[in-house]
Amino acid sequence: MNGEPDWKHCMAAALRRFPARSLQIRELSMRDEDFRGMCEDFAAAENALAAVDQLPLHIREERRAEFKGLIESLAAEIAIALGPADGSI
């Protein structure tokens, strides 16, 4: 491993969030570096949220709220990148 994120793992995070958009996610992931970056950030934020209980007690809730907000923000960016769900413009 060269230290770079596994883009398939990162794409899986977007697929979990948007299962009905799997074809679009796969297509964009293959051709759009910016989209892959969003998915990488999304996966990293999910991983950080999953590990929040490992943090010192006095900062857990603040970090939990921070990571949840980041996840929602990134999910909104991904949704915009995917475009309308029904295929309309």
PDB file of N, CA and C in Angstrom:
ATOM      1  N   MET A   1       0.850  -1.184   0.000  1.00  0.00           N
ATOM      2  CA  MET A   1       0.000   0.000   0.000  1.00  0.00           C
ATOM      3  C   MET A   1       0.889   1.238   0.000  1.00  0.00           C
ATOM      4  N   ASN A   2       0.552   2.236  -0.766  1.00  0.00           N
ATOM      5  CA  ASN A   2       1.404   3.405  -0.891  1.00  0.00           C
ATOM      6  C   ASN A   2       0.937   4.595  -0.067  1.00  0.00           C
ATOM      7  N   GLY A   3       0.007   4.400   0.852  1.00  0.00           N
ATOM      8  CA  GLY A   3      -0.466   5.482   1.688  1.00  0.00           C
ATOM      9  C   GLY A   3      -1.649   6.240   1.106  1.00  0.00           C
ATOM     10  N   GLU A   4      -1.983   5.980  -0.160  1.00  0.00           N
ATOM     11  CA  GLU A   4      -3.126   6.633  -0.768  1.00  0.00           C
ATOM     12  C   GLU A   4      -4.396   5.874  -0.409  1.00  0.00           C
ATOM     13  N   PRO A   5      -5.537   6.599  -0.326  1.00  0.00           N
ATOM     14  CA  PRO A   5      -6.786   5.911   0.003  1.00  0.00           C
ATOM     15  C   PRO A   5      -7.163   4.909  -1.075  1.00  0.00           C
ATOM     16  N   ASP A   6      -7.774   3.835  -0.661  1.00  0.00           N
ATOM     17  CA  ASP A   6      -8.300   2.839  -1.586  1.00  0.00           C
ATOM     18  C   ASP A   6      -9.612   3.408  -2.141  1.00  0.00           C
ATOM     19  N   TRP A   7      -9.624   3.814  -3.406  1.00  0.00           N
ATOM     20  CA  TRP A   7     -10.794   4.504  -3.942  1.00  0.00           C
ATOM     21  C   TRP A   7     -12.029   3.618  -3.968  1.00  0.00           C
ATOM     22  N   LYS A   8     -11.848   2.302  -4.076  1.00  0.00           N
ATOM     23  CA  LYS A   8     -13.022   1.411  -4.038  1.00  0.00           C
ATOM     24  C   LYS A   8     -13.651   1.415  -2.649  1.00  0.00           C
ATOM     25  N   HIS A   9     -12.811   1.450  -1.624  1.00  0.00           N
ATOM     26  CA  HIS A   9     -13.323   1.551  -0.252  1.00  0.00           C
ATOM     27  C   HIS A   9     -14.051   2.880  -0.066  1.00  0.00           C
ATOM     28  N   CYS A  10     -13.471   3.930  -0.607  1.00  0.00           N
ATOM     29  CA  CYS A  10     -14.074   5.257  -0.491  1.00  0.00           C
ATOM     30  C   CYS A  10     -15.395   5.317  -1.250  1.00  0.00           C
ATOM     31  N   MET A  11     -15.425   4.709  -2.429  1.00  0.00           N
ATOM     32  CA  MET A  11     -16.648   4.666  -3.214  1.00  0.00           C
ATOM     33  C   MET A  11     -17.732   3.897  -2.458  1.00  0.00           C
ATOM     34  N   ALA A  12     -17.338   2.872  -1.712  1.00  0.00           N
ATOM     35  CA  ALA A  12     -18.304   2.077  -0.957  1.00  0.00           C
ATOM     36  C   ALA A  12     -19.061   2.936   0.044  1.00  0.00           C
ATOM     37  N   ALA A  13     -18.413   3.937   0.621  1.00  0.00           N
ATOM     38  CA  ALA A  13     -19.091   4.823   1.565  1.00  0.00           C
ATOM     39  C   ALA A  13     -20.216   5.572   0.855  1.00  0.00           C
ATOM     40  N   ALA A  14     -19.947   6.075  -0.340  1.00  0.00           N
ATOM     41  CA  ALA A  14     -20.982   6.771  -1.109  1.00  0.00           C
ATOM     42  C   ALA A  14     -22.086   5.802  -1.522  1.00  0.00           C
ATOM     43  N   LEU A  15     -21.722   4.582  -1.870  1.00  0.00           N
ATOM     44  CA  LEU A  15     -22.720   3.578  -2.259  1.00  0.00           C
ATOM     45  C   LEU A  15     -23.649   3.232  -1.099  1.00  0.00           C
ATOM     46  N   ARG A  16     -23.105   3.189   0.111  1.00  0.00           N
ATOM     47  CA  ARG A  16     -23.948   2.925   1.282  1.00  0.00           C
ATOM     48  C   ARG A  16     -24.946   4.063   1.497  1.00  0.00           C
ATOM     49  N   ARG A  17     -24.487   5.275   1.281  1.00  0.00           N
ATOM     50  CA  ARG A  17     -25.331   6.450   1.510  1.00  0.00           C
ATOM     51  C   ARG A  17     -26.371   6.619   0.409  1.00  0.00           C
ATOM     52  N   PHE A  18     -25.982   6.308  -0.835  1.00  0.00           N
ATOM     53  CA  PHE A  18     -26.849   6.506  -1.998  1.00  0.00           C
ATOM     54  C   PHE A  18     -26.978   5.212  -2.803  1.00  0.00           C
ATOM     55  N   PRO A  19     -27.561   4.169  -2.231  1.00  0.00           N
ATOM     56  CA  PRO A  19     -27.598   2.873  -2.930  1.00  0.00           C
ATOM     57  C   PRO A  19     -28.350   2.914  -4.259  1.00  0.00           C
ATOM     58  N   ALA A  20     -29.349   3.749  -4.391  1.00  0.00           N
ATOM     59  CA  ALA A  20     -30.112   3.820  -5.638  1.00  0.00           C
ATOM     60  C   ALA A  20     -29.337   4.519  -6.748  1.00  0.00           C
ATOM     61  N   ARG A  21     -28.215   5.139  -6.403  1.00  0.00           N
ATOM     62  CA  ARG A  21     -27.425   5.877  -7.385  1.00  0.00           C
ATOM     63  C   ARG A  21     -26.120   5.152  -7.704  1.00  0.00           C
ATOM     64  N   SER A  22     -26.083   3.852  -7.489  1.00  0.00           N
ATOM     65  CA  SER A  22     -24.828   3.102  -7.595  1.00  0.00           C
ATOM     66  C   SER A  22     -24.188   3.212  -8.983  1.00  0.00           C
ATOM     67  N   LEU A  23     -24.958   3.156 -10.039  1.00  0.00           N
ATOM     68  CA  LEU A  23     -24.380   3.248 -11.376  1.00  0.00           C
ATOM     69  C   LEU A  23     -23.709   4.607 -11.574  1.00  0.00           C
ATOM     70  N   GLN A  24     -24.379   5.671 -11.175  1.00  0.00           N
ATOM     71  CA  GLN A  24     -23.804   7.015 -11.316  1.00  0.00           C
ATOM     72  C   GLN A  24     -22.538   7.152 -10.476  1.00  0.00           C
ATOM     73  N   ILE A  25     -22.564   6.623  -9.265  1.00  0.00           N
ATOM     74  CA  ILE A  25     -21.397   6.703  -8.379  1.00  0.00           C
ATOM     75  C   ILE A  25     -20.214   5.980  -9.009  1.00  0.00           C
ATOM     76  N   ARG A  26     -20.453   4.791  -9.519  1.00  0.00           N
ATOM     77  CA  ARG A  26     -19.374   4.023 -10.147  1.00  0.00           C
ATOM     78  C   ARG A  26     -18.813   4.753 -11.373  1.00  0.00           C
ATOM     79  N   GLU A  27     -19.697   5.285 -12.197  1.00  0.00           N
ATOM     80  CA  GLU A  27     -19.240   5.993 -13.397  1.00  0.00           C
ATOM     81  C   GLU A  27     -18.430   7.239 -13.042  1.00  0.00           C
ATOM     82  N   LEU A  28     -18.955   8.052 -12.128  1.00  0.00           N
ATOM     83  CA  LEU A  28     -18.235   9.260 -11.734  1.00  0.00           C
ATOM     84  C   LEU A  28     -16.911   8.928 -11.066  1.00  0.00           C
ATOM     85  N   SER A  29     -16.890   7.885 -10.268  1.00  0.00           N
ATOM     86  CA  SER A  29     -15.659   7.499  -9.574  1.00  0.00           C
ATOM     87  C   SER A  29     -14.553   7.127 -10.545  1.00  0.00           C
ATOM     88  N   MET A  30     -14.931   6.551 -11.668  1.00  0.00           N
ATOM     89  CA  MET A  30     -13.936   6.137 -12.652  1.00  0.00           C
ATOM     90  C   MET A  30     -13.366   7.316 -13.436  1.00  0.00           C
ATOM     91  N   ARG A  31     -14.156   8.365 -13.633  1.00  0.00           N
ATOM     92  CA  ARG A  31     -13.709   9.424 -14.541  1.00  0.00           C
ATOM     93  C   ARG A  31     -13.476  10.786 -13.891  1.00  0.00           C
ATOM     94  N   ASP A  32     -13.883  10.968 -12.633  1.00  0.00           N
ATOM     95  CA  ASP A  32     -13.828  12.302 -12.039  1.00  0.00           C
ATOM     96  C   ASP A  32     -13.011  12.290 -10.744  1.00  0.00           C
ATOM     97  N   GLU A  33     -11.815  12.838 -10.830  1.00  0.00           N
ATOM     98  CA  GLU A  33     -10.916  12.867  -9.674  1.00  0.00           C
ATOM     99  C   GLU A  33     -11.499  13.666  -8.505  1.00  0.00           C
ATOM    100  N   ASP A  34     -12.185  14.755  -8.805  1.00  0.00           N
ATOM    101  CA  ASP A  34     -12.803  15.562  -7.744  1.00  0.00           C
ATOM    102  C   ASP A  34     -13.877  14.767  -7.003  1.00  0.00           C
ATOM    103  N   PHE A  35     -14.660  13.998  -7.758  1.00  0.00           N
ATOM    104  CA  PHE A  35     -15.691  13.178  -7.136  1.00  0.00           C
ATOM    105  C   PHE A  35     -15.054  12.118  -6.243  1.00  0.00           C
ATOM    106  N   ARG A  36     -13.985  11.493  -6.727  1.00  0.00           N
ATOM    107  CA  ARG A  36     -13.282  10.511  -5.896  1.00  0.00           C
ATOM    108  C   ARG A  36     -12.783  11.171  -4.614  1.00  0.00           C
ATOM    109  N   GLY A  37     -12.296  12.390  -4.718  1.00  0.00           N
ATOM    110  CA  GLY A  37     -11.844  13.118  -3.533  1.00  0.00           C
ATOM    111  C   GLY A  37     -12.963  13.345  -2.534  1.00  0.00           C
ATOM    112  N   MET A  38     -14.146  13.687  -3.049  1.00  0.00           N
ATOM    113  CA  MET A  38     -15.310  13.854  -2.157  1.00  0.00           C
ATOM    114  C   MET A  38     -15.625  12.539  -1.451  1.00  0.00           C
ATOM    115  N   CYS A  39     -15.585  11.454  -2.210  1.00  0.00           N
ATOM    116  CA  CYS A  39     -15.877  10.143  -1.627  1.00  0.00           C
ATOM    117  C   CYS A  39     -14.818   9.759  -0.592  1.00  0.00           C
ATOM    118  N   GLU A  40     -13.560  10.095  -0.859  1.00  0.00           N
ATOM    119  CA  GLU A  40     -12.487   9.833   0.106  1.00  0.00           C
ATOM    120  C   GLU A  40     -12.725  10.609   1.397  1.00  0.00           C
ATOM    121  N   ASP A  41     -13.079  11.879   1.255  1.00  0.00           N
ATOM    122  CA  ASP A  41     -13.363  12.701   2.436  1.00  0.00           C
ATOM    123  C   ASP A  41     -14.569  12.162   3.199  1.00  0.00           C
ATOM    124  N   PHE A  42     -15.591  11.732   2.463  1.00  0.00           N
ATOM    125  CA  PHE A  42     -16.793  11.174   3.067  1.00  0.00           C
ATOM    126  C   PHE A  42     -16.455   9.914   3.869  1.00  0.00           C
ATOM    127  N   ALA A  43     -15.678   9.022   3.266  1.00  0.00           N
ATOM    128  CA  ALA A  43     -15.281   7.795   3.954  1.00  0.00           C
ATOM    129  C   ALA A  43     -14.436   8.102   5.183  1.00  0.00           C
ATOM    130  N   ALA A  44     -13.526   9.066   5.072  1.00  0.00           N
ATOM    131  CA  ALA A  44     -12.684   9.440   6.213  1.00  0.00           C
ATOM    132  C   ALA A  44     -13.524  10.010   7.349  1.00  0.00           C
ATOM    133  N   ALA A  45     -14.522  10.817   7.016  1.00  0.00           N
ATOM    134  CA  ALA A  45     -15.402  11.382   8.044  1.00  0.00           C
ATOM    135  C   ALA A  45     -16.222  10.278   8.718  1.00  0.00           C
ATOM    136  N   GLU A  46     -16.695   9.313   7.935  1.00  0.00           N
ATOM    137  CA  GLU A  46     -17.417   8.176   8.523  1.00  0.00           C
ATOM    138  C   GLU A  46     -16.503   7.384   9.460  1.00  0.00           C
ATOM    139  N   ASN A  47     -15.272   7.157   9.037  1.00  0.00           N
ATOM    140  CA  ASN A  47     -14.316   6.429   9.875  1.00  0.00           C
ATOM    141  C   ASN A  47     -14.021   7.191  11.157  1.00  0.00           C
ATOM    142  N   ALA A  48     -13.887   8.498  11.054  1.00  0.00           N
ATOM    143  CA  ALA A  48     -13.630   9.324  12.240  1.00  0.00           C
ATOM    144  C   ALA A  48     -14.809   9.256  13.201  1.00  0.00           C
ATOM    145  N   LEU A  49     -16.027   9.305  12.675  1.00  0.00           N
ATOM    146  CA  LEU A  49     -17.210   9.207  13.530  1.00  0.00           C
ATOM    147  C   LEU A  49     -17.263   7.845  14.213  1.00  0.00           C
ATOM    148  N   ALA A  50     -16.932   6.796  13.473  1.00  0.00           N
ATOM    149  CA  ALA A  50     -16.954   5.447  14.051  1.00  0.00           C
ATOM    150  C   ALA A  50     -15.932   5.296  15.177  1.00  0.00           C
ATOM    151  N   ALA A  51     -14.863   6.073  15.125  1.00  0.00           N
ATOM    152  CA  ALA A  51     -13.797   5.972  16.128  1.00  0.00           C
ATOM    153  C   ALA A  51     -13.913   7.009  17.241  1.00  0.00           C
ATOM    154  N   VAL A  52     -14.967   7.796  17.227  1.00  0.00           N
ATOM    155  CA  VAL A  52     -15.067   8.903  18.189  1.00  0.00           C
ATOM    156  C   VAL A  52     -15.067   8.416  19.637  1.00  0.00           C
ATOM    157  N   ASP A  53     -15.556   7.232  19.902  1.00  0.00           N
ATOM    158  CA  ASP A  53     -15.573   6.721  21.280  1.00  0.00           C
ATOM    159  C   ASP A  53     -14.179   6.413  21.814  1.00  0.00           C
ATOM    160  N   GLN A  54     -13.194   6.415  20.937  1.00  0.00           N
ATOM    161  CA  GLN A  54     -11.806   6.210  21.364  1.00  0.00           C
ATOM    162  C   GLN A  54     -11.164   7.507  21.871  1.00  0.00           C
ATOM    163  N   LEU A  55     -11.824   8.614  21.621  1.00  0.00           N
ATOM    164  CA  LEU A  55     -11.299   9.919  22.029  1.00  0.00           C
ATOM    165  C   LEU A  55     -11.524  10.137  23.526  1.00  0.00           C
ATOM    166  N   PRO A  56     -10.771  11.048  24.116  1.00  0.00           N
ATOM    167  CA  PRO A  56     -10.989  11.369  25.530  1.00  0.00           C
ATOM    168  C   PRO A  56     -12.430  11.841  25.755  1.00  0.00           C
ATOM    169  N   LEU A  57     -12.982  11.449  26.875  1.00  0.00           N
ATOM    170  CA  LEU A  57     -14.384  11.710  27.193  1.00  0.00           C
ATOM    171  C   LEU A  57     -14.762  13.182  27.039  1.00  0.00           C
ATOM    172  N   HIS A  58     -13.883  14.073  27.453  1.00  0.00           N
ATOM    173  CA  HIS A  58     -14.235  15.495  27.460  1.00  0.00           C
ATOM    174  C   HIS A  58     -14.380  16.118  26.066  1.00  0.00           C
ATOM    175  N   ILE A  59     -13.961  15.429  25.009  1.00  0.00           N
ATOM    176  CA  ILE A  59     -14.125  15.993  23.661  1.00  0.00           C
ATOM    177  C   ILE A  59     -14.999  15.131  22.746  1.00  0.00           C
ATOM    178  N   ARG A  60     -15.477  14.005  23.239  1.00  0.00           N
ATOM    179  CA  ARG A  60     -16.235  13.081  22.383  1.00  0.00           C
ATOM    180  C   ARG A  60     -17.462  13.710  21.738  1.00  0.00           C
ATOM    181  N   GLU A  61     -18.320  14.311  22.540  1.00  0.00           N
ATOM    182  CA  GLU A  61     -19.578  14.826  21.989  1.00  0.00           C
ATOM    183  C   GLU A  61     -19.356  15.964  21.003  1.00  0.00           C
ATOM    184  N   GLU A  62     -18.389  16.814  21.285  1.00  0.00           N
ATOM    185  CA  GLU A  62     -18.073  17.901  20.359  1.00  0.00           C
ATOM    186  C   GLU A  62     -17.582  17.335  19.035  1.00  0.00           C
ATOM    187  N   ARG A  63     -16.703  16.355  19.088  1.00  0.00           N
ATOM    188  CA  ARG A  63     -16.183  15.739  17.864  1.00  0.00           C
ATOM    189  C   ARG A  63     -17.273  14.953  17.142  1.00  0.00           C
ATOM    190  N   ARG A  64     -18.121  14.276  17.906  1.00  0.00           N
ATOM    191  CA  ARG A  64     -19.219  13.514  17.295  1.00  0.00           C
ATOM    192  C   ARG A  64     -20.098  14.462  16.466  1.00  0.00           C
ATOM    193  N   ALA A  65     -20.454  15.596  17.052  1.00  0.00           N
ATOM    194  CA  ALA A  65     -21.287  16.575  16.344  1.00  0.00           C
ATOM    195  C   ALA A  65     -20.541  17.132  15.125  1.00  0.00           C
ATOM    196  N   GLU A  66     -19.258  17.393  15.280  1.00  0.00           N
ATOM    197  CA  GLU A  66     -18.435  17.906  14.185  1.00  0.00           C
ATOM    198  C   GLU A  66     -18.392  16.909  13.022  1.00  0.00           C
ATOM    199  N   PHE A  67     -18.143  15.638  13.323  1.00  0.00           N
ATOM    200  CA  PHE A  67     -18.050  14.623  12.273  1.00  0.00           C
ATOM    201  C   PHE A  67     -19.409  14.388  11.610  1.00  0.00           C
ATOM    202  N   LYS A  68     -20.486  14.393  12.396  1.00  0.00           N
ATOM    203  CA  LYS A  68     -21.822  14.235  11.811  1.00  0.00           C
ATOM    204  C   LYS A  68     -22.130  15.374  10.855  1.00  0.00           C
ATOM    205  N   GLY A  69     -21.789  16.587  11.260  1.00  0.00           N
ATOM    206  CA  GLY A  69     -22.007  17.732  10.385  1.00  0.00           C
ATOM    207  C   GLY A  69     -21.190  17.639   9.108  1.00  0.00           C
ATOM    208  N   LEU A  70     -19.954  17.213   9.233  1.00  0.00           N
ATOM    209  CA  LEU A  70     -19.087  17.047   8.071  1.00  0.00           C
ATOM    210  C   LEU A  70     -19.647  15.981   7.125  1.00  0.00           C
ATOM    211  N   ILE A  71     -20.121  14.891   7.680  1.00  0.00           N
ATOM    212  CA  ILE A  71     -20.701  13.815   6.873  1.00  0.00           C
ATOM    213  C   ILE A  71     -21.907  14.334   6.093  1.00  0.00           C
ATOM    214  N   GLU A  72     -22.779  15.076   6.763  1.00  0.00           N
ATOM    215  CA  GLU A  72     -23.966  15.600   6.082  1.00  0.00           C
ATOM    216  C   GLU A  72     -23.585  16.599   4.994  1.00  0.00           C
ATOM    217  N   SER A  73     -22.606  17.426   5.253  1.00  0.00           N
ATOM    218  CA  SER A  73     -22.142  18.393   4.270  1.00  0.00           C
ATOM    219  C   SER A  73     -21.553  17.697   3.043  1.00  0.00           C
ATOM    220  N   LEU A  74     -20.727  16.701   3.287  1.00  0.00           N
ATOM    221  CA  LEU A  74     -20.127  15.949   2.180  1.00  0.00           C
ATOM    222  C   LEU A  74     -21.176  15.160   1.408  1.00  0.00           C
ATOM    223  N   ALA A  75     -22.161  14.605   2.118  1.00  0.00           N
ATOM    224  CA  ALA A  75     -23.239  13.876   1.443  1.00  0.00           C
ATOM    225  C   ALA A  75     -24.009  14.819   0.521  1.00  0.00           C
ATOM    226  N   ALA A  76     -24.222  16.047   0.971  1.00  0.00           N
ATOM    227  CA  ALA A  76     -24.912  17.034   0.132  1.00  0.00           C
ATOM    228  C   ALA A  76     -24.081  17.356  -1.108  1.00  0.00           C
ATOM    229  N   GLU A  77     -22.772  17.493  -0.954  1.00  0.00           N
ATOM    230  CA  GLU A  77     -21.887  17.752  -2.106  1.00  0.00           C
ATOM    231  C   GLU A  77     -21.921  16.592  -3.092  1.00  0.00           C
ATOM    232  N   ILE A  78     -21.900  15.379  -2.568  1.00  0.00           N
ATOM    233  CA  ILE A  78     -21.952  14.196  -3.432  1.00  0.00           C
ATOM    234  C   ILE A  78     -23.281  14.164  -4.191  1.00  0.00           C
ATOM    235  N   ALA A  79     -24.374  14.452  -3.487  1.00  0.00           N
ATOM    236  CA  ALA A  79     -25.694  14.460  -4.127  1.00  0.00           C
ATOM    237  C   ALA A  79     -25.740  15.483  -5.260  1.00  0.00           C
ATOM    238  N   ILE A  80     -25.161  16.653  -5.037  1.00  0.00           N
ATOM    239  CA  ILE A  80     -25.117  17.677  -6.086  1.00  0.00           C
ATOM    240  C   ILE A  80     -24.293  17.183  -7.276  1.00  0.00           C
ATOM    241  N   ALA A  81     -23.156  16.560  -6.997  1.00  0.00           N
ATOM    242  CA  ALA A  81     -22.307  16.042  -8.072  1.00  0.00           C
ATOM    243  C   ALA A  81     -23.026  14.960  -8.878  1.00  0.00           C
ATOM    244  N   LEU A  82     -23.852  14.183  -8.212  1.00  0.00           N
ATOM    245  CA  LEU A  82     -24.586  13.119  -8.896  1.00  0.00           C
ATOM    246  C   LEU A  82     -25.690  13.681  -9.776  1.00  0.00           C
ATOM    247  N   GLY A  83     -26.182  14.855  -9.446  1.00  0.00           N
ATOM    248  CA  GLY A  83     -27.250  15.464 -10.224  1.00  0.00           C
ATOM    249  C   GLY A  83     -28.606  14.926  -9.820  1.00  0.00           C
ATOM    250  N   PRO A  84     -29.637  15.326 -10.548  1.00  0.00           N
ATOM    251  CA  PRO A  84     -31.001  14.892 -10.222  1.00  0.00           C
ATOM    252  C   PRO A  84     -31.137  13.366 -10.236  1.00  0.00           C
ATOM    253  N   ALA A  85     -31.866  12.851  -9.270  1.00  0.00           N
ATOM    254  CA  ALA A  85     -32.026  11.400  -9.139  1.00  0.00           C
ATOM    255  C   ALA A  85     -32.839  10.800 -10.274  1.00  0.00           C
ATOM    256  N   ASP A  86     -33.743  11.559 -10.859  1.00  0.00           N
ATOM    257  CA  ASP A  86     -34.609  11.006 -11.887  1.00  0.00           C
ATOM    258  C   ASP A  86     -34.047  11.123 -13.292  1.00  0.00           C
ATOM    259  N   GLY A  87     -32.841  11.680 -13.396  1.00  0.00           N
ATOM    260  CA  GLY A  87     -32.202  11.790 -14.706  1.00  0.00           C
ATOM    261  C   GLY A  87     -32.594  13.042 -15.463  1.00  0.00           C
ATOM    262  N   SER A  88     -33.482  13.853 -14.882  1.00  0.00           N
ATOM    263  CA  SER A  88     -33.858  15.095 -15.566  1.00  0.00           C
ATOM    264  C   SER A  88     -32.792  16.155 -15.345  1.00  0.00           C
ATOM    265  N   ILE A  89     -32.846  17.178 -16.138  1.00  0.00           N
ATOM    266  CA  ILE A  89     -31.852  18.260 -16.029  1.00  0.00           C
ATOM    267  C   ILE A  89     -32.451  19.425 -15.294  1.00  0.00           C
TER     268      ILE A  89
END
